[in-house]
Amino acid sequence: MRRADPHRALIRVLTARYPGLLVLASRSEPWASVTFTGARHELTCQGAPDPTGIDEAELALPGHIVADVQVTRSGGRISIEALTIEAV
């Protein structure tokens, strides 16, 4: 069974939850620990009037858990870094 792409799902969830959020650039790379498999995601965005709470929001991704989110804002740009883990 093919799992849903967590990177695309993360972008869809964020842009739906925060109208006006425009993703300018993004990338993801595989990540693994001894017990978990997942991916690290980096997004460069602009346009969201208030990104407050993104790092504490419950983000539902099919087949994955959003384990960590960090948000930084510099001028009109918003950087979002997230770690997703495959749900078993």
Protein backbone atom coordinates (compact mmCIF):
# COMPACT_ATOMS: atom_id res chain seq x y z
CA MET A 1 0.00 0.00 0.00
CA ARG A 2 1.36 3.42 -0.98
CA ARG A 3 1.33 6.03 1.78
CA ALA A 4 0.17 9.58 1.18
CA ASP A 5 2.93 12.14 0.64
CA PRO A 6 3.23 13.94 4.00
CA HIS A 7 4.93 16.99 2.44
CA ARG A 8 2.06 17.78 0.09
CA ALA A 9 -0.47 16.95 2.80
CA LEU A 10 1.28 19.31 5.24
CA ILE A 11 1.13 22.15 2.70
CA ARG A 12 -2.57 21.46 2.02
CA VAL A 13 -3.44 21.41 5.73
CA LEU A 14 -1.52 24.61 6.49
CA THR A 15 -2.94 26.58 3.55
CA ALA A 16 -6.48 25.43 4.38
CA ARG A 17 -6.13 26.27 8.07
CA TYR A 18 -4.43 29.63 7.48
CA PRO A 19 -6.14 31.36 4.52
CA GLY A 20 -3.77 33.73 2.78
CA LEU A 21 -0.69 31.63 3.56
CA LEU A 22 1.35 31.44 0.38
CA VAL A 23 4.09 28.81 0.19
CA LEU A 24 6.96 30.32 -1.79
CA ALA A 25 9.39 27.40 -1.50
CA SER A 26 9.46 24.05 0.23
CA ARG A 27 11.54 20.94 0.59
CA SER A 28 11.54 17.74 2.57
CA GLU A 29 14.07 15.07 3.33
CA PRO A 30 13.76 11.60 4.84
CA TRP A 31 14.37 11.30 8.57
CA ALA A 32 14.72 8.26 10.82
CA SER A 33 15.59 7.37 14.38
CA VAL A 34 16.07 3.94 15.87
CA THR A 35 12.32 3.50 16.30
CA PHE A 36 10.63 5.97 13.91
CA THR A 37 10.63 6.83 10.21
CA GLY A 38 9.47 10.13 8.81
CA ALA A 39 10.55 13.34 7.13
CA ARG A 40 11.76 16.84 7.93
CA HIS A 41 9.98 19.64 6.09
CA GLU A 42 11.02 23.25 5.48
CA LEU A 43 8.60 25.81 4.08
CA THR A 44 9.19 29.46 3.25
CA CYS A 45 5.90 31.33 3.23
CA GLN A 46 4.34 34.77 3.22
CA GLY A 47 0.95 36.34 3.45
CA ALA A 48 -0.61 34.76 6.51
CA PRO A 49 -1.95 37.58 8.62
CA ASP A 50 -1.41 35.71 11.88
CA PRO A 51 0.68 32.51 12.02
CA THR A 52 0.26 32.35 15.80
CA GLY A 53 -0.51 28.85 16.97
CA ILE A 54 0.84 26.93 13.96
CA ASP A 55 3.45 25.35 16.24
CA GLU A 56 0.73 24.20 18.68
CA ALA A 57 -2.01 23.29 16.21
CA GLU A 58 -3.23 19.74 15.73
CA LEU A 59 -2.46 19.04 12.07
CA ALA A 60 -4.08 15.89 10.70
CA LEU A 61 -2.07 14.14 7.99
CA PRO A 62 -3.22 10.77 6.63
CA GLY A 63 -0.83 8.05 7.81
CA HIS A 64 1.47 10.49 9.60
CA ILE A 65 1.82 12.36 12.87
CA VAL A 66 3.15 15.89 13.02
CA ALA A 67 5.63 15.50 15.87
CA ASP A 68 7.19 18.95 15.92
CA VAL A 69 6.64 22.35 14.30
CA GLN A 70 8.75 25.48 14.63
CA VAL A 71 7.76 28.84 13.18
CA THR A 72 9.90 31.92 12.76
CA ARG A 73 8.87 35.20 11.23
CA SER A 74 11.24 37.70 9.67
CA GLY A 75 9.70 40.72 7.99
CA GLY A 76 7.05 39.44 5.60
CA ARG A 77 8.46 35.90 5.46
CA ILE A 78 7.44 32.96 7.61
CA SER A 79 9.68 29.91 7.96
CA ILE A 80 8.00 26.69 9.03
CA GLU A 81 10.01 23.60 9.95
CA ALA A 82 8.15 20.41 10.75
CA LEU A 83 8.90 16.78 11.55
CA THR A 84 6.40 14.14 10.46
CA ILE A 85 6.50 10.52 11.58
CA GLU A 86 4.83 7.60 9.86
CA ALA A 87 1.94 6.23 11.90
CA VAL A 88 1.97 2.48 12.19
